[in-house]
Amino acid sequence: MKDFDFDKVWLGIVYGLIIPPVIYSAYLLLVTQYDIKRINVSLCMVANLLPFYLTLNKEKYKATKGVLIGTFIWAGIIAYFSLFTDHLHIL
């Protein structure tokens, strides 16, 4: 594990795609248990700021690019569901 290079685009994409659903699942758990007011689904993408800044500060620029790609993939999915279907009401 010592020789593994974490500066890979695919690894950043995995970070960018996995972290928002994990945060959203934790958020749904809190909402259902404690009856907290619901917030916008797209705000769960803010969780990608953590791996973005960590990879940026460690100068792992390929992984940073991957995190941004993952974020843009989620943004496209959320935009599609909010604009063209009735499954996700953002506005």
Foldseek 3Di string as FASTA:
>chain_A
DVPDDCLALQNLLCLLQPQLVVQVVVVVVCCVPVVDDDAASLCSSVSLVVVLVVCVVVVSVSSNNNNVVNSVVVVVVLVCCCPPHPPHPRD
